[in-house]
């Protein structure tokens, strides 16, 4: 059975025969759970339904979900390639009941589909249930007719599902299949023991409880069914093959790997590189199609690890150049019908993989050399565990993921000190957090002066969306060096967060006014930083807080500008572009985004035009508060890694941009004024940065440009439209004149050669010529030296030149004297020493160089002495 037919057969069974609604697969990036790296189960997109936070689209639902398991509780990475059925990327077939049918129907339909529709032999099937789930046990006996010896009871580890420490949970019932030889006999005791002949095909989860914070179970009024069948395993079983890699999902990719490396795939241990590569390129392709690119953080770092693991296995079979990108067409061909995003983004996926693999291969050889040195050192010291410091160096300096180093170590018979490695990793993360968090984080509660101890940890109420001025009560204060730190019960000052810097302004105690130079956030309190030490007697319980309106408005223009820029990037470059960081201040904005290549000047112009068109349209910027689930459902963009509460603030610009954001914004896009992109650059592999300005800063830059254009137009007597061609013409003229000047100077130097070859000093019968010549470069000096050799029958020549800081000397020895043992390189070396530098070269011509000297001509004349010594 082909993979396409199996998907359709599963969906049609539940849609046409049992009234389910088919829903598409969600992205491999969880759309409603920024705390989860990847979608790892079919139920992820229905999590809010199980939690009672939203209504399901239907009571019966079916789908095929693309899943990734490479981290956390569900991490199959180490098993990939070693066996035939673990994968980093896989598809999950699932049917759900939200308060509708329950155990009887779920078990009956699963058994019907497996045995009646797909004709799996019943004698090879087993059912497992939770140890006290008598209901499921009895249903299996009644529906399947399986003997009691094939209906097995297990504990929580194998047959109980929960979402977390608290929340919906319940017993599950698994269907296992024996794919070994019937001659060997079927042994029920091998179920759940890791025997590859006994594999789990389908898991039926019955969500009937809610676990509270004390760990107690409470029955739910509405019971749900959540099932999941591993598509790859099922396809292998239905095709009668013992390996998932022998199905049409992988064959095309493996054939391509064979053609690239010139070796045939082996089903045993020798074929592990083929299996790893085939698996990993699927995972990489789906991730990149859904907008993730390799980087040093979060999901991007997982991709980078996977890619480098695949590249490393490629080297094992002779693939030393980038090759993964060549496998992408095969992935798209096999799975493009079910997942058209693979076809749509095929070129982009290939480009990202090629660039990233190129980058890795450039450092791989250097890293491998360091690894070999580490192994040699360990052998010398009779160690079998590689130090965590060395493992960390390979990670930090050469980009080796820890699992790659572990793999290399295992091949050499070593282990790695992972404990020490992760300790160093945590120290690095801690340093990074400190560098990027509250700048005065060394302040602790121990040195705060508490005005009201009961309110010491009170959350600061932020009123800055509604007003820029407010009266507030001082809760505590602290001094550090020449600064004062103040915490109030409420404030209109925005504290630095979400890429937006903190507000500035001033504060009034009584009739004393002080400047607030920054506002930071620590926990749930806003810390106002005054750039001087306020006398203790000036601090009063009540103060007037005033935000600098000009700076706030400038910041708001830039912040809304980043939202429009994000939308423009996705419109021009593709929806796979995602924000990777931002910085918003009153003067400028920076926006980091995932993209594998330099953005062209034409694309930058389209991006800038997109933003300015939105500004000219003067679209209202709508701020709304809603539940997180509702915002995501309506299409709002949430940033991975950000923590969101149940109620979120959304910023919407018509149909252009819709994001979760706590920052300050303009009321309408027209308030931004104008948007100018200043620079586009790379800040990391696969991560680009755009720097831009808006508002008054943009107008100031336009004024500067206009002044430059007007001045140039006046100087060059050209109108602005022809200015570029006029400048280009002048540049070409200058180049032409420089070329003519060089030719003329060369002729002049050759013509003046006779002047340099007058009045030699003789060393015996050998004429020695010295002269300081007027040339501008070493090339001109060498050109003159060549002409000397062509025209001088016999002799040794030293020609010197000086510039602002150095001196150079060219030494020429004619061919007859070279044969007598005179060597220009040795003579140049001696001259170089006199100049405080060095020299060397060929026997007939060499260069010496050193510092600029006040007695350069005298040093040149010493050359005669060096020639005398050379002849002795």
Foldseek 3Di string as FASTA:
>chain_A
DALVVVQVLLVCLCVVVPPAAEDEADAQCQLQDLQDQGAAFRCSVVVCLQQVNDPDPDQKYWYKYKYAACDDPRHCLVVFLQFFDDFRIFIKTKMKGWLDDFLLVVVLSVLCCVCVVLNDDLVFKAKEKAQPPVVNVVSCCVRVVDPNLRYYHDHCVPFKDDPDLWGWIFGKMWMKGFLDDCVVPDDNVCPPVPDLRIGTFKMKGKGFWTQDPVRDTDGDPRIMIIMIGTSLVVQCVSVSHSGSCPHLLNPLLLVVLCVQLVDHADNHSVNSLSRLLSRLLLVLLSLLLQQEAADVDRNNVVNLQSLVVNQVSSVVSPNLAQDSLVSLVSNCVSCCVSPVSSVVCSVQSSLRSNLSRVVLSVLVVVLVVLLVVQVVVCVVVVHQERELVSLLCSCPPRVHDSVNSQVVSVVVRHGYPVVSVVVVVVVVVVVVCCVPADVVVVDDPVFKDAPDVVCSPPFEAAPQQPDQKDKWFWGIWGDDDFKIKTWTNYHNWDADDQQEFTFKDWKDQPNDIFTFPGWHDDDRIIITMTRGDDPPVSDDRMMMGGTDVLFQLLQQLQVVLQQLLQLLCCVLVHVSKDWDGKHTGSFKIKTKIFGQDFDDPVSVVSSQVSLVVQLVVFFFWDKDKDASVVLSVVPADEDNPDDDDRIFIWIDGDVRGIYTDDGHHDGTSVSQPGKDWDDKQDDTRRMIMIMIGTDPNVVVVVVVVVVVLVVQCVVQVHHSVCSVVSVVVVVVVVVVVVVVVVVVVLVVLLVCVVVQPPDFDDLPPAGETEDEDDDDDPVSVVSSLVSCQVPDPFHKYWYKYDDDWKIKIKIFGHPVVVVVPQARFVLQQVLQVVQVGGWGDGRGMIMHMHTDDPPVVVSRVCSVVVVNVRND
